[in-house]
């Protein structure tokens, strides 16, 4: 236990733990995108998958708490590490050309992270809180509307009717893309995955992921907004 405590209280340990939470969140993001993209292809299939995910005990009482913990830990630790890094810079250079040593994305991870965290708050307000209210406050686990159809697709589409909300989602996913452009490869590096042969491939995969997944979410939001009228 003392070894674990010392590891995660050290700077390297905290970065390693944060990288683990980042990898978990990226896997979840891919899974979340896959399910949401099905809403573009098939209303019935999306409803069936959403009902399964929303009523499965393993998902609800094991994976969901782990996900919430990972989200909170990742962003809180991100802010903590940023503050520690800034305080550690005792010597301030009069002229610090950061662009010569790092990318814009890496220098502004705290900014994009803060915006993504704010967006997650909106996303929880839009979907997670109403879902908890229906299932555990009102006690309705059926997921059915008055006409006998599942409610999940209709609730998703309803959220994307408002152009302002769609605009917020688009901006948030653009910033998420910027966050991932640095964060994907950085997570692997923090876990020791540095090799002349594999690092370029990891960076290339990271760039594809960082652009394709947020772009996919933007497409879903715009698709439902444009087809809901």
C-alpha atoms as a PDB file:
ATOM      1  CA  UNK A   1       0.000   0.000   0.000  1.00  0.00           C
ATOM      2  CA  UNK A   2       2.825   2.402   0.805  1.00  0.00           C
ATOM      3  CA  UNK A   3       4.336   1.741  -2.649  1.00  0.00           C
ATOM      4  CA  UNK A   4       1.017   2.629  -4.297  1.00  0.00           C
ATOM      5  CA  UNK A   5       0.672   5.751  -2.144  1.00  0.00           C
ATOM      6  CA  UNK A   6       4.206   6.923  -2.925  1.00  0.00           C
ATOM      7  CA  UNK A   7       3.778   6.223  -6.629  1.00  0.00           C
ATOM      8  CA  UNK A   8       0.573   8.212  -7.016  1.00  0.00           C
ATOM      9  CA  UNK A   9       1.755  11.054  -4.787  1.00  0.00           C
ATOM     10  CA  UNK A  10       4.808  11.634  -6.981  1.00  0.00           C
ATOM     11  CA  UNK A  11       4.743  13.810 -10.090  1.00  0.00           C
ATOM     12  CA  UNK A  12       5.444  10.848 -12.368  1.00  0.00           C
ATOM     13  CA  UNK A  13       2.813   8.759 -10.575  1.00  0.00           C
ATOM     14  CA  UNK A  14       0.170  11.457 -10.936  1.00  0.00           C
ATOM     15  CA  UNK A  15       0.913  11.812 -14.655  1.00  0.00           C
ATOM     16  CA  UNK A  16       0.720   8.038 -15.075  1.00  0.00           C
ATOM     17  CA  UNK A  17      -2.635   7.897 -13.274  1.00  0.00           C
ATOM     18  CA  UNK A  18      -3.930  10.804 -15.322  1.00  0.00           C
ATOM     19  CA  UNK A  19      -2.824   9.032 -18.509  1.00  0.00           C
ATOM     20  CA  UNK A  20      -4.752   5.921 -17.421  1.00  0.00           C
ATOM     21  CA  UNK A  21      -7.887   7.987 -16.849  1.00  0.00           C
ATOM     22  CA  UNK A  22      -7.378   9.639 -20.262  1.00  0.00           C
ATOM     23  CA  UNK A  23      -7.152   6.271 -22.032  1.00  0.00           C
ATOM     24  CA  UNK A  24     -10.284   5.062 -20.247  1.00  0.00           C
ATOM     25  CA  UNK A  25     -12.159   8.223 -21.259  1.00  0.00           C
ATOM     26  CA  UNK A  26     -11.016   7.919 -24.878  1.00  0.00           C
ATOM     27  CA  UNK A  27     -12.284   4.331 -25.013  1.00  0.00           C
ATOM     28  CA  UNK A  28     -15.596   5.497 -23.541  1.00  0.00           C
ATOM     29  CA  UNK A  29     -15.762   8.374 -26.029  1.00  0.00           C
ATOM     30  CA  UNK A  30     -15.361   5.936 -28.918  1.00  0.00           C
ATOM     31  CA  UNK A  31     -18.080   3.685 -27.511  1.00  0.00           C
ATOM     32  CA  UNK A  32     -20.371   6.673 -26.872  1.00  0.00           C
ATOM     33  CA  UNK A  33     -19.848   7.928 -30.429  1.00  0.00           C
ATOM     34  CA  UNK A  34     -20.596   4.488 -31.895  1.00  0.00           C
ATOM     35  CA  UNK A  35     -23.943   4.270 -30.090  1.00  0.00           C
ATOM     36  CA  UNK A  36     -24.905   7.851 -30.946  1.00  0.00           C
ATOM     37  CA  UNK A  37     -23.977   7.385 -34.591  1.00  0.00           C
ATOM     38  CA  UNK A  38     -26.430   4.481 -34.764  1.00  0.00           C
ATOM     39  CA  UNK A  39     -29.181   7.067 -34.174  1.00  0.00           C
ATOM     40  CA  UNK A  40     -28.390   8.401 -37.663  1.00  0.00           C
ATOM     41  CA  UNK A  41     -28.723   4.935 -39.199  1.00  0.00           C
ATOM     42  CA  UNK A  42     -31.609   3.311 -37.315  1.00  0.00           C
ATOM     43  CA  UNK A  43     -34.030   4.763 -34.789  1.00  0.00           C
ATOM     44  CA  UNK A  44     -35.146   1.324 -33.564  1.00  0.00           C
ATOM     45  CA  UNK A  45     -31.633  -0.046 -33.123  1.00  0.00           C
ATOM     46  CA  UNK A  46     -30.561   3.092 -31.257  1.00  0.00           C
ATOM     47  CA  UNK A  47     -33.568   2.766 -28.949  1.00  0.00           C
ATOM     48  CA  UNK A  48     -32.847  -0.900 -28.232  1.00  0.00           C
ATOM     49  CA  UNK A  49     -29.161  -0.309 -27.464  1.00  0.00           C
ATOM     50  CA  UNK A  50     -29.937   2.738 -25.322  1.00  0.00           C
ATOM     51  CA  UNK A  51     -32.528   0.785 -23.332  1.00  0.00           C
ATOM     52  CA  UNK A  52     -30.054  -2.046 -22.763  1.00  0.00           C
ATOM     53  CA  UNK A  53     -27.336   0.368 -21.609  1.00  0.00           C
ATOM     54  CA  UNK A  54     -29.786   2.244 -19.407  1.00  0.00           C
ATOM     55  CA  UNK A  55     -31.124  -0.828 -17.611  1.00  0.00           C
ATOM     56  CA  UNK A  56     -28.083  -3.100 -17.470  1.00  0.00           C
ATOM     57  CA  UNK A  57     -26.897  -3.408 -13.848  1.00  0.00           C
ATOM     58  CA  UNK A  58     -23.217  -3.740 -14.782  1.00  0.00           C
ATOM     59  CA  UNK A  59     -23.328  -0.565 -16.850  1.00  0.00           C
ATOM     60  CA  UNK A  60     -25.380   1.425 -14.351  1.00  0.00           C
ATOM     61  CA  UNK A  61     -23.782   0.428 -11.052  1.00  0.00           C
ATOM     62  CA  UNK A  62     -20.214  -0.458 -12.019  1.00  0.00           C
ATOM     63  CA  UNK A  63     -19.130   1.203 -15.266  1.00  0.00           C
ATOM     64  CA  UNK A  64     -21.068   4.431 -14.760  1.00  0.00           C
ATOM     65  CA  UNK A  65     -19.582   5.233 -11.316  1.00  0.00           C
ATOM     66  CA  UNK A  66     -16.109   4.391 -12.669  1.00  0.00           C
ATOM     67  CA  UNK A  67     -16.737   6.728 -15.609  1.00  0.00           C
ATOM     68  CA  UNK A  68     -17.836   9.592 -13.354  1.00  0.00           C
ATOM     69  CA  UNK A  69     -14.794   9.061 -11.135  1.00  0.00           C
ATOM     70  CA  UNK A  70     -12.496   9.040 -14.193  1.00  0.00           C
ATOM     71  CA  UNK A  71     -13.993  12.292 -15.499  1.00  0.00           C
ATOM     72  CA  UNK A  72     -13.663  14.078 -12.157  1.00  0.00           C
ATOM     73  CA  UNK A  73     -10.179  12.696 -11.498  1.00  0.00           C
ATOM     74  CA  UNK A  74      -8.857  13.513 -14.967  1.00  0.00           C
ATOM     75  CA  UNK A  75      -9.912  17.136 -14.965  1.00  0.00           C
ATOM     76  CA  UNK A  76      -9.142  17.859 -11.313  1.00  0.00           C
ATOM     77  CA  UNK A  77      -5.689  16.284 -11.662  1.00  0.00           C
ATOM     78  CA  UNK A  78      -5.170  18.228 -14.889  1.00  0.00           C
ATOM     79  CA  UNK A  79      -5.724  21.505 -13.060  1.00  0.00           C
ATOM     80  CA  UNK A  80      -3.546  20.359 -10.136  1.00  0.00           C
ATOM     81  CA  UNK A  81      -0.648  19.417 -12.415  1.00  0.00           C
ATOM     82  CA  UNK A  82      -0.952  22.688 -14.302  1.00  0.00           C
ATOM     83  CA  UNK A  83      -0.783  24.711 -11.077  1.00  0.00           C
ATOM     84  CA  UNK A  84       2.185  22.673  -9.825  1.00  0.00           C
ATOM     85  CA  UNK A  85       4.002  23.106 -13.136  1.00  0.00           C
ATOM     86  CA  UNK A  86       3.475  26.863 -13.071  1.00  0.00           C
ATOM     87  CA  UNK A  87       4.619  27.161  -9.460  1.00  0.00           C
ATOM     88  CA  UNK A  88       7.715  25.083 -10.269  1.00  0.00           C
ATOM     89  CA  UNK A  89       8.871  27.586 -12.856  1.00  0.00           C
ATOM     90  CA  UNK A  90      10.806  29.804 -10.462  1.00  0.00           C
ATOM     91  CA  UNK A  91      12.772  31.502 -13.241  1.00  0.00           C
ATOM     92  CA  UNK A  92      10.636  33.585 -15.548  1.00  0.00           C
ATOM     93  CA  UNK A  93      12.250  34.427 -18.850  1.00  0.00           C
ATOM     94  CA  UNK A  94      11.658  37.859 -20.288  1.00  0.00           C
ATOM     95  CA  UNK A  95      11.143  36.367 -23.708  1.00  0.00           C
ATOM     96  CA  UNK A  96       9.747  32.865 -23.781  1.00  0.00           C
ATOM     97  CA  UNK A  97       9.069  31.677 -27.299  1.00  0.00           C
ATOM     98  CA  UNK A  98       6.834  28.764 -26.360  1.00  0.00           C
ATOM     99  CA  UNK A  99       5.884  28.104 -29.967  1.00  0.00           C
ATOM    100  CA  UNK A 100       9.489  27.158 -30.697  1.00  0.00           C
ATOM    101  CA  UNK A 101       9.433  24.291 -28.183  1.00  0.00           C
ATOM    102  CA  UNK A 102       5.805  23.172 -28.081  1.00  0.00           C
ATOM    103  CA  UNK A 103       2.557  23.251 -30.011  1.00  0.00           C
ATOM    104  CA  UNK A 104      -0.321  25.631 -29.337  1.00  0.00           C
ATOM    105  CA  UNK A 105      -2.432  22.654 -28.275  1.00  0.00           C
ATOM    106  CA  UNK A 106       0.040  21.542 -25.590  1.00  0.00           C
ATOM    107  CA  UNK A 107       0.379  25.083 -24.202  1.00  0.00           C
ATOM    108  CA  UNK A 108      -3.390  25.532 -23.901  1.00  0.00           C
ATOM    109  CA  UNK A 109      -4.520  22.146 -22.600  1.00  0.00           C
ATOM    110  CA  UNK A 110      -5.834  23.780 -19.429  1.00  0.00           C
ATOM    111  CA  UNK A 111      -8.028  26.154 -21.478  1.00  0.00           C
ATOM    112  CA  UNK A 112      -9.481  23.524 -23.778  1.00  0.00           C
ATOM    113  CA  UNK A 113      -9.873  21.200 -20.795  1.00  0.00           C
ATOM    114  CA  UNK A 114     -11.858  23.804 -18.852  1.00  0.00           C
ATOM    115  CA  UNK A 115     -14.211  24.357 -21.787  1.00  0.00           C
ATOM    116  CA  UNK A 116     -14.660  20.604 -22.296  1.00  0.00           C
ATOM    117  CA  UNK A 117     -15.424  20.245 -18.566  1.00  0.00           C
ATOM    118  CA  UNK A 118     -18.065  22.986 -18.838  1.00  0.00           C
ATOM    119  CA  UNK A 119     -19.536  21.194 -21.845  1.00  0.00           C
ATOM    120  CA  UNK A 120     -19.677  17.936 -19.889  1.00  0.00           C
ATOM    121  CA  UNK A 121     -21.707  19.785 -17.277  1.00  0.00           C
ATOM    122  CA  UNK A 122     -24.185  20.811 -19.995  1.00  0.00           C
ATOM    123  CA  UNK A 123     -24.218  17.268 -21.385  1.00  0.00           C
ATOM    124  CA  UNK A 124     -24.987  15.842 -17.935  1.00  0.00           C
ATOM    125  CA  UNK A 125     -27.741  18.438 -17.541  1.00  0.00           C
ATOM    126  CA  UNK A 126     -29.215  17.549 -20.937  1.00  0.00           C
ATOM    127  CA  UNK A 127     -29.107  13.772 -20.736  1.00  0.00           C
ATOM    128  CA  UNK A 128     -27.774  12.169 -17.545  1.00  0.00           C
ATOM    129  CA  UNK A 129     -29.790  14.104 -14.939  1.00  0.00           C
ATOM    130  CA  UNK A 130     -33.129  13.684 -16.789  1.00  0.00           C
ATOM    131  CA  UNK A 131     -32.323   9.976 -17.204  1.00  0.00           C
ATOM    132  CA  UNK A 132     -31.650   9.563 -13.483  1.00  0.00           C
ATOM    133  CA  UNK A 133     -34.839  11.483 -12.698  1.00  0.00           C
ATOM    134  CA  UNK A 134     -37.021   9.286 -14.914  1.00  0.00           C
ATOM    135  CA  UNK A 135     -35.560   5.963 -13.764  1.00  0.00           C
ATOM    136  CA  UNK A 136     -34.803   6.462 -10.075  1.00  0.00           C
ATOM    137  CA  UNK A 137     -36.997   9.384  -8.964  1.00  0.00           C
ATOM    138  CA  UNK A 138     -40.117   8.702 -11.014  1.00  0.00           C
ATOM    139  CA  UNK A 139     -39.422   4.967 -10.967  1.00  0.00           C
ATOM    140  CA  UNK A 140     -40.038   4.424 -14.673  1.00  0.00           C
ATOM    141  CA  UNK A 141     -37.587   1.796 -15.922  1.00  0.00           C
ATOM    142  CA  UNK A 142     -39.642   0.873 -18.996  1.00  0.00           C
ATOM    143  CA  UNK A 143     -38.183   3.585 -21.242  1.00  0.00           C
ATOM    144  CA  UNK A 144     -41.511   3.784 -23.052  1.00  0.00           C
ATOM    145  CA  UNK A 145     -43.547   6.709 -24.336  1.00  0.00           C
ATOM    146  CA  UNK A 146     -47.331   6.845 -24.276  1.00  0.00           C
ATOM    147  CA  UNK A 147     -47.537   5.321 -27.761  1.00  0.00           C
ATOM    148  CA  UNK A 148     -45.491   2.285 -26.665  1.00  0.00           C
ATOM    149  CA  UNK A 149     -42.229   3.256 -28.395  1.00  0.00           C
ATOM    150  CA  UNK A 150     -38.931   3.806 -26.605  1.00  0.00           C
ATOM    151  CA  UNK A 151     -38.227   7.408 -25.594  1.00  0.00           C
ATOM    152  CA  UNK A 152     -34.455   7.592 -26.178  1.00  0.00           C
ATOM    153  CA  UNK A 153     -34.406   8.619 -29.838  1.00  0.00           C
ATOM    154  CA  UNK A 154     -37.079  11.281 -29.358  1.00  0.00           C
ATOM    155  CA  UNK A 155     -35.227  12.735 -26.384  1.00  0.00           C
ATOM    156  CA  UNK A 156     -31.966  12.872 -28.358  1.00  0.00           C
ATOM    157  CA  UNK A 157     -33.544  14.607 -31.344  1.00  0.00           C
ATOM    158  CA  UNK A 158     -35.400  17.066 -29.108  1.00  0.00           C
ATOM    159  CA  UNK A 159     -32.118  18.343 -27.647  1.00  0.00           C
ATOM    160  CA  UNK A 160     -30.799  19.242 -31.092  1.00  0.00           C
ATOM    161  CA  UNK A 161     -33.794  21.300 -32.222  1.00  0.00           C
ATOM    162  CA  UNK A 162     -32.407  24.454 -30.597  1.00  0.00           C
ATOM    163  CA  UNK A 163     -29.717  26.007 -32.874  1.00  0.00           C
ATOM    164  CA  UNK A 164     -28.010  27.683 -29.905  1.00  0.00           C
ATOM    165  CA  UNK A 165     -27.503  24.349 -28.156  1.00  0.00           C
ATOM    166  CA  UNK A 166     -26.239  22.811 -31.399  1.00  0.00           C
ATOM    167  CA  UNK A 167     -23.792  25.706 -31.752  1.00  0.00           C
ATOM    168  CA  UNK A 168     -22.510  25.107 -28.218  1.00  0.00           C
ATOM    169  CA  UNK A 169     -22.029  21.417 -29.000  1.00  0.00           C
ATOM    170  CA  UNK A 170     -20.121  22.218 -32.192  1.00  0.00           C
ATOM    171  CA  UNK A 171     -17.763  24.648 -30.445  1.00  0.00           C
ATOM    172  CA  UNK A 172     -17.238  22.209 -27.565  1.00  0.00           C
ATOM    173  CA  UNK A 173     -16.308  19.364 -29.892  1.00  0.00           C
ATOM    174  CA  UNK A 174     -13.902  21.578 -31.833  1.00  0.00           C
ATOM    175  CA  UNK A 175     -12.151  22.351 -28.536  1.00  0.00           C
ATOM    176  CA  UNK A 176     -12.282  18.673 -27.585  1.00  0.00           C
ATOM    177  CA  UNK A 177     -10.504  17.928 -30.858  1.00  0.00           C
ATOM    178  CA  UNK A 178      -7.812  20.450 -29.971  1.00  0.00           C
ATOM    179  CA  UNK A 179      -7.485  18.866 -26.521  1.00  0.00           C
ATOM    180  CA  UNK A 180      -7.116  15.392 -28.001  1.00  0.00           C
ATOM    181  CA  UNK A 181      -4.579  16.448 -30.626  1.00  0.00           C
ATOM    182  CA  UNK A 182      -2.048  16.740 -27.824  1.00  0.00           C
ATOM    183  CA  UNK A 183      -3.645  14.567 -25.155  1.00  0.00           C
ATOM    184  CA  UNK A 184      -3.827  11.299 -27.124  1.00  0.00           C
ATOM    185  CA  UNK A 185      -0.079  10.950 -27.757  1.00  0.00           C
ATOM    186  CA  UNK A 186       0.753  12.537 -24.395  1.00  0.00           C
ATOM    187  CA  UNK A 187      -1.211   9.834 -22.549  1.00  0.00           C
ATOM    188  CA  UNK A 188       0.803   7.066 -24.217  1.00  0.00           C
ATOM    189  CA  UNK A 189       4.077   8.878 -23.547  1.00  0.00           C
ATOM    190  CA  UNK A 190       3.206   9.282 -19.853  1.00  0.00           C
ATOM    191  CA  UNK A 191       2.739   5.526 -19.686  1.00  0.00           C
ATOM    192  CA  UNK A 192       6.200   4.931 -21.160  1.00  0.00           C
ATOM    193  CA  UNK A 193       5.190   4.219 -24.767  1.00  0.00           C
ATOM    194  CA  UNK A 194       8.138   6.022 -26.347  1.00  0.00           C
ATOM    195  CA  UNK A 195       9.900   4.299 -29.195  1.00  0.00           C
ATOM    196  CA  UNK A 196      11.402   5.580 -32.425  1.00  0.00           C
ATOM    197  CA  UNK A 197       9.470   2.937 -34.334  1.00  0.00           C
ATOM    198  CA  UNK A 198       6.044   3.236 -32.679  1.00  0.00           C
ATOM    199  CA  UNK A 199       5.781   6.887 -31.570  1.00  0.00           C
ATOM    200  CA  UNK A 200       5.128   8.273 -35.095  1.00  0.00           C
ATOM    201  CA  UNK A 201       2.350   5.688 -35.564  1.00  0.00           C
ATOM    202  CA  UNK A 202       0.813   6.613 -32.197  1.00  0.00           C
ATOM    203  CA  UNK A 203       0.863  10.299 -33.134  1.00  0.00           C
ATOM    204  CA  UNK A 204      -0.737   9.571 -36.504  1.00  0.00           C
ATOM    205  CA  UNK A 205      -3.436   7.431 -34.882  1.00  0.00           C
ATOM    206  CA  UNK A 206      -3.955  10.170 -32.306  1.00  0.00           C
ATOM    207  CA  UNK A 207      -4.449  12.805 -35.008  1.00  0.00           C
ATOM    208  CA  UNK A 208      -7.003  10.622 -36.785  1.00  0.00           C
ATOM    209  CA  UNK A 209      -8.869   9.948 -33.533  1.00  0.00           C
ATOM    210  CA  UNK A 210      -8.731  13.591 -32.410  1.00  0.00           C
ATOM    211  CA  UNK A 211     -10.275  14.806 -35.665  1.00  0.00           C
ATOM    212  CA  UNK A 212     -12.609  11.957 -36.649  1.00  0.00           C
ATOM    213  CA  UNK A 213     -14.434  11.393 -33.345  1.00  0.00           C
ATOM    214  CA  UNK A 214     -15.298  15.056 -32.570  1.00  0.00           C
ATOM    215  CA  UNK A 215     -16.195  15.589 -36.244  1.00  0.00           C
ATOM    216  CA  UNK A 216     -18.494  12.571 -35.983  1.00  0.00           C
ATOM    217  CA  UNK A 217     -20.262  14.025 -32.959  1.00  0.00           C
ATOM    218  CA  UNK A 218     -20.657  17.341 -34.778  1.00  0.00           C
ATOM    219  CA  UNK A 219     -22.170  15.494 -37.741  1.00  0.00           C
ATOM    220  CA  UNK A 220     -24.668  13.738 -35.448  1.00  0.00           C
ATOM    221  CA  UNK A 221     -25.774  17.037 -33.861  1.00  0.00           C
ATOM    222  CA  UNK A 222     -26.137  18.788 -37.238  1.00  0.00           C
ATOM    223  CA  UNK A 223     -27.895  15.799 -38.801  1.00  0.00           C
ATOM    224  CA  UNK A 224     -30.593  15.675 -36.126  1.00  0.00           C
ATOM    225  CA  UNK A 225     -30.931  19.456 -36.106  1.00  0.00           C
ATOM    226  CA  UNK A 226     -31.427  19.669 -39.868  1.00  0.00           C
ATOM    227  CA  UNK A 227     -33.739  16.659 -40.125  1.00  0.00           C
ATOM    228  CA  UNK A 228     -35.900  17.577 -37.130  1.00  0.00           C
ATOM    229  CA  UNK A 229     -37.634  20.443 -38.941  1.00  0.00           C
END
